[in-house]
Amino acid sequence: MVTEVPKGTSVIGANVGQAIELALPFSGGTGFRWEASDCSGLHIERRGVKPSAGFGGCGRDLFFVTPNRTGDIWLNLQLRAPWLAEPAEVRKIKFEVR
C-alpha cells in the first residue's frame, strides 16, 4: 500500500521492520527533486519516480521507509533544486513505531 504524503506534518503508525512506501508529487523536467534527510532509526530507500498516467500530469516520487527501533521518529522530506539554497517545500512525518 502506498501512503501519499500530505503537505505539512503527518503521523504514521508503524511496526519495527515494517516497510512503508511513501509517495510525493513529482513534476518531471522541472529540476526539483524530493530528498529525505538521514534519520537515525529509519532505513530510507529512494525508489525513483513513477511517471504520470496521463500527458502533463503529476507523477510520484517514491521512497521505502523501514523503522528499525521503537518510539517516535521524525522524518523531513524536502523538495529541492540544485540552484536554490533553501528547499521549495518541506513535509514532515512523525512515525509512531511499536
N, C-alpha and C. Protein backbone atom coordinates (compact mmCIF):
# COMPACT_ATOMS: atom_id res chain seq x y z
N MET A 1 0.84 -1.18 0.00
CA MET A 1 0.00 0.00 0.00
C MET A 1 0.88 1.25 0.00
N VAL A 2 0.53 2.21 -0.80
CA VAL A 2 1.28 3.45 -0.92
C VAL A 2 0.62 4.52 -0.05
N THR A 3 1.44 5.22 0.73
CA THR A 3 0.96 6.32 1.56
C THR A 3 1.33 7.64 0.89
N GLU A 4 0.32 8.41 0.49
CA GLU A 4 0.56 9.74 -0.08
C GLU A 4 0.91 10.68 1.08
N VAL A 5 2.01 11.40 0.93
CA VAL A 5 2.46 12.31 1.99
C VAL A 5 1.81 13.68 1.76
N PRO A 6 0.93 14.10 2.69
CA PRO A 6 0.26 15.39 2.51
C PRO A 6 1.19 16.56 2.84
N LYS A 7 0.78 17.75 2.46
CA LYS A 7 1.53 18.95 2.82
C LYS A 7 1.50 19.12 4.32
N GLY A 8 2.56 19.73 4.85
CA GLY A 8 2.62 19.99 6.29
C GLY A 8 3.18 18.81 7.05
N THR A 9 2.57 18.51 8.20
CA THR A 9 3.05 17.47 9.10
C THR A 9 2.00 16.36 9.19
N SER A 10 2.46 15.12 9.16
CA SER A 10 1.55 13.98 9.27
C SER A 10 2.12 12.96 10.24
N VAL A 11 1.26 12.03 10.66
CA VAL A 11 1.65 10.97 11.60
C VAL A 11 1.33 9.62 10.96
N ILE A 12 2.28 8.69 11.07
CA ILE A 12 2.08 7.34 10.55
C ILE A 12 2.42 6.35 11.65
N GLY A 13 1.51 5.44 11.95
CA GLY A 13 1.78 4.36 12.88
C GLY A 13 2.46 3.21 12.14
N ALA A 14 3.46 2.59 12.77
CA ALA A 14 4.21 1.52 12.11
C ALA A 14 4.76 0.56 13.14
N ASN A 15 5.21 -0.58 12.65
CA ASN A 15 5.89 -1.59 13.46
C ASN A 15 7.35 -1.65 13.06
N VAL A 16 8.21 -2.05 13.98
CA VAL A 16 9.63 -2.22 13.65
C VAL A 16 9.74 -3.23 12.51
N GLY A 17 10.52 -2.89 11.49
CA GLY A 17 10.73 -3.77 10.35
C GLY A 17 9.67 -3.69 9.27
N GLN A 18 8.63 -2.92 9.49
CA GLN A 18 7.55 -2.77 8.51
C GLN A 18 7.93 -1.73 7.46
N ALA A 19 8.05 -2.14 6.21
CA ALA A 19 8.38 -1.21 5.13
C ALA A 19 7.14 -0.41 4.74
N ILE A 20 7.29 0.89 4.64
CA ILE A 20 6.20 1.78 4.27
C ILE A 20 6.60 2.51 3.00
N GLU A 21 5.75 2.43 1.99
CA GLU A 21 6.03 3.11 0.73
C GLU A 21 5.38 4.49 0.77
N LEU A 22 6.21 5.52 0.61
CA LEU A 22 5.74 6.91 0.62
C LEU A 22 5.77 7.47 -0.80
N ALA A 23 4.76 8.26 -1.14
CA ALA A 23 4.70 8.88 -2.46
C ALA A 23 4.51 10.39 -2.29
N LEU A 24 5.29 11.13 -3.07
CA LEU A 24 5.20 12.59 -3.08
C LEU A 24 5.02 13.05 -4.52
N PRO A 25 4.35 14.20 -4.74
CA PRO A 25 4.13 14.66 -6.11
C PRO A 25 5.43 15.02 -6.80
N PHE A 26 5.52 14.67 -8.09
CA PHE A 26 6.73 14.92 -8.87
C PHE A 26 6.35 15.46 -10.24
N SER A 27 6.98 16.56 -10.62
CA SER A 27 6.77 17.12 -11.96
C SER A 27 8.08 17.00 -12.73
N GLY A 28 8.14 16.06 -13.63
CA GLY A 28 9.36 15.80 -14.40
C GLY A 28 9.80 17.01 -15.21
N GLY A 29 11.11 17.15 -15.36
CA GLY A 29 11.66 18.21 -16.18
C GLY A 29 11.80 19.55 -15.50
N THR A 30 11.39 19.66 -14.24
CA THR A 30 11.47 20.95 -13.56
C THR A 30 12.81 21.14 -12.85
N GLY A 31 13.53 20.05 -12.60
CA GLY A 31 14.79 20.13 -11.86
C GLY A 31 14.62 19.97 -10.37
N PHE A 32 13.39 19.94 -9.89
CA PHE A 32 13.13 19.75 -8.46
C PHE A 32 13.06 18.26 -8.15
N ARG A 33 13.55 17.91 -6.95
CA ARG A 33 13.59 16.51 -6.54
C ARG A 33 13.39 16.43 -5.03
N TRP A 34 12.62 15.44 -4.59
CA TRP A 34 12.43 15.22 -3.16
C TRP A 34 13.64 14.52 -2.58
N GLU A 35 14.06 14.98 -1.40
CA GLU A 35 15.18 14.37 -0.68
C GLU A 35 14.73 14.07 0.74
N ALA A 36 15.12 12.90 1.23
CA ALA A 36 14.83 12.51 2.61
C ALA A 36 16.09 12.71 3.42
N SER A 37 15.95 13.40 4.56
CA SER A 37 17.11 13.62 5.41
C SER A 37 17.51 12.32 6.09
N ASP A 38 18.80 12.16 6.33
CA ASP A 38 19.27 10.99 7.08
C ASP A 38 18.62 11.02 8.45
N CYS A 39 18.16 9.88 8.89
CA CYS A 39 17.40 9.84 10.13
C CYS A 39 17.75 8.59 10.91
N SER A 40 18.22 8.77 12.12
CA SER A 40 18.53 7.64 12.99
C SER A 40 17.23 6.92 13.34
N GLY A 41 17.20 5.62 13.13
CA GLY A 41 16.00 4.84 13.44
C GLY A 41 15.19 4.47 12.23
N LEU A 42 15.55 5.01 11.06
CA LEU A 42 14.82 4.69 9.82
C LEU A 42 15.81 4.28 8.74
N HIS A 43 15.47 3.23 8.02
CA HIS A 43 16.21 2.89 6.80
C HIS A 43 15.40 3.48 5.65
N ILE A 44 16.03 4.35 4.86
CA ILE A 44 15.34 5.07 3.78
C ILE A 44 15.93 4.63 2.45
N GLU A 45 15.05 4.20 1.55
CA GLU A 45 15.49 3.77 0.21
C GLU A 45 14.66 4.51 -0.83
N ARG A 46 15.33 5.29 -1.64
CA ARG A 46 14.63 6.01 -2.71
C ARG A 46 14.37 5.03 -3.84
N ARG A 47 13.13 4.97 -4.30
CA ARG A 47 12.74 4.02 -5.35
C ARG A 47 12.59 4.68 -6.70
N GLY A 48 12.82 5.98 -6.78
CA GLY A 48 12.72 6.66 -8.06
C GLY A 48 11.35 7.26 -8.29
N VAL A 49 11.06 7.49 -9.55
CA VAL A 49 9.85 8.21 -9.92
C VAL A 49 8.92 7.30 -10.72
N LYS A 50 7.64 7.37 -10.39
CA LYS A 50 6.61 6.69 -11.17
C LYS A 50 5.94 7.77 -12.00
N PRO A 51 6.06 7.70 -13.33
CA PRO A 51 5.50 8.77 -14.17
C PRO A 51 3.98 8.83 -14.11
N SER A 52 3.46 9.95 -14.53
CA SER A 52 2.01 10.16 -14.60
C SER A 52 1.42 9.24 -15.66
N ALA A 53 0.18 8.84 -15.44
CA ALA A 53 -0.53 8.01 -16.42
C ALA A 53 -0.98 8.83 -17.61
N GLY A 54 -1.20 10.13 -17.41
CA GLY A 54 -1.68 10.99 -18.49
C GLY A 54 -0.66 12.05 -18.88
N PHE A 55 -0.77 12.56 -20.07
CA PHE A 55 0.13 13.60 -20.56
C PHE A 55 0.02 14.85 -19.70
N GLY A 56 1.17 15.36 -19.25
CA GLY A 56 1.20 16.60 -18.48
C GLY A 56 0.79 16.45 -17.02
N GLY A 57 0.49 15.23 -16.60
CA GLY A 57 0.08 15.00 -15.22
C GLY A 57 1.26 14.96 -14.28
N CYS A 58 0.96 14.89 -13.01
CA CYS A 58 1.97 14.86 -11.97
C CYS A 58 2.30 13.40 -11.63
N GLY A 59 3.57 13.05 -11.69
CA GLY A 59 4.00 11.71 -11.31
C GLY A 59 4.19 11.63 -9.80
N ARG A 60 4.83 10.55 -9.34
CA ARG A 60 5.06 10.37 -7.90
C ARG A 60 6.50 9.97 -7.66
N ASP A 61 7.12 10.62 -6.71
CA ASP A 61 8.46 10.29 -6.24
C ASP A 61 8.28 9.29 -5.10
N LEU A 62 8.91 8.12 -5.18
CA LEU A 62 8.66 7.03 -4.23
C LEU A 62 9.84 6.75 -3.32
N PHE A 63 9.53 6.52 -2.05
CA PHE A 63 10.52 6.15 -1.04
C PHE A 63 9.98 4.95 -0.25
N PHE A 64 10.87 4.01 0.10
CA PHE A 64 10.53 2.96 1.06
C PHE A 64 11.22 3.32 2.36
N VAL A 65 10.45 3.37 3.44
CA VAL A 65 10.98 3.72 4.76
C VAL A 65 10.67 2.57 5.70
N THR A 66 11.72 2.08 6.40
CA THR A 66 11.56 0.97 7.33
C THR A 66 12.11 1.37 8.69
N PRO A 67 11.26 1.45 9.71
CA PRO A 67 11.74 1.75 11.07
C PRO A 67 12.54 0.57 11.63
N ASN A 68 13.64 0.87 12.34
CA ASN A 68 14.43 -0.21 12.93
C ASN A 68 14.53 -0.10 14.45
N ARG A 69 13.66 0.74 15.04
CA ARG A 69 13.57 0.82 16.50
C ARG A 69 12.19 1.35 16.88
N THR A 70 11.82 1.17 18.13
CA THR A 70 10.52 1.67 18.59
C THR A 70 10.64 3.13 19.02
N GLY A 71 9.48 3.76 19.21
CA GLY A 71 9.45 5.15 19.65
C GLY A 71 8.99 6.08 18.55
N ASP A 72 9.04 7.37 18.83
CA ASP A 72 8.68 8.39 17.85
C ASP A 72 9.92 8.79 17.06
N ILE A 73 9.80 8.74 15.72
CA ILE A 73 10.91 9.08 14.84
C ILE A 73 10.41 10.10 13.82
N TRP A 74 11.12 11.20 13.69
CA TRP A 74 10.73 12.25 12.73
C TRP A 74 11.53 12.12 11.44
N LEU A 75 10.85 12.35 10.32
CA LEU A 75 11.48 12.35 9.00
C LEU A 75 11.10 13.64 8.29
N ASN A 76 12.10 14.35 7.76
CA ASN A 76 11.87 15.55 6.96
C ASN A 76 12.10 15.21 5.49
N LEU A 77 11.15 15.58 4.66
CA LEU A 77 11.26 15.41 3.21
C LEU A 77 11.28 16.81 2.60
N GLN A 78 12.31 17.08 1.79
CA GLN A 78 12.48 18.43 1.24
C GLN A 78 12.47 18.38 -0.28
N LEU A 79 11.71 19.29 -0.88
CA LEU A 79 11.70 19.44 -2.33
C LEU A 79 12.77 20.47 -2.68
N ARG A 80 13.82 20.00 -3.37
CA ARG A 80 14.98 20.86 -3.61
C ARG A 80 15.31 20.95 -5.10
N ALA A 81 15.98 22.04 -5.43
CA ALA A 81 16.55 22.23 -6.77
C ALA A 81 18.00 22.65 -6.56
N PRO A 82 18.91 22.21 -7.43
CA PRO A 82 20.34 22.50 -7.23
C PRO A 82 20.69 23.98 -7.18
N TRP A 83 19.90 24.83 -7.81
CA TRP A 83 20.23 26.25 -7.86
C TRP A 83 19.63 27.06 -6.70
N LEU A 84 18.87 26.40 -5.82
CA LEU A 84 18.27 27.10 -4.68
C LEU A 84 18.95 26.71 -3.38
N ALA A 85 19.22 27.70 -2.53
CA ALA A 85 19.86 27.42 -1.24
C ALA A 85 18.88 26.78 -0.26
N GLU A 86 17.61 27.16 -0.33
CA GLU A 86 16.59 26.66 0.58
C GLU A 86 15.63 25.75 -0.17
N PRO A 87 15.03 24.78 0.53
CA PRO A 87 14.05 23.92 -0.14
C PRO A 87 12.80 24.70 -0.53
N ALA A 88 12.16 24.28 -1.62
CA ALA A 88 10.93 24.91 -2.07
C ALA A 88 9.76 24.50 -1.19
N GLU A 89 9.86 23.30 -0.59
CA GLU A 89 8.79 22.80 0.27
C GLU A 89 9.38 21.77 1.23
N VAL A 90 8.80 21.68 2.42
CA VAL A 90 9.20 20.68 3.41
C VAL A 90 7.94 19.98 3.91
N ARG A 91 8.00 18.66 3.95
CA ARG A 91 6.92 17.86 4.54
C ARG A 91 7.54 17.02 5.65
N LYS A 92 6.85 16.94 6.78
CA LYS A 92 7.37 16.23 7.94
C LYS A 92 6.45 15.07 8.30
N ILE A 93 7.07 13.96 8.67
CA ILE A 93 6.30 12.79 9.10
C ILE A 93 6.82 12.34 10.46
N LYS A 94 5.90 12.12 11.37
CA LYS A 94 6.22 11.53 12.65
C LYS A 94 5.80 10.07 12.60
N PHE A 95 6.77 9.17 12.71
CA PHE A 95 6.48 7.74 12.76
C PHE A 95 6.32 7.34 14.23
N GLU A 96 5.18 6.79 14.56
CA GLU A 96 4.96 6.24 15.90
C GLU A 96 5.15 4.74 15.78
N VAL A 97 6.34 4.29 16.20
CA VAL A 97 6.76 2.91 15.95
C VAL A 97 6.59 2.06 17.22
N ARG A 98 5.93 0.90 17.06
CA ARG A 98 5.75 -0.02 18.17
C ARG A 98 6.52 -1.30 17.93
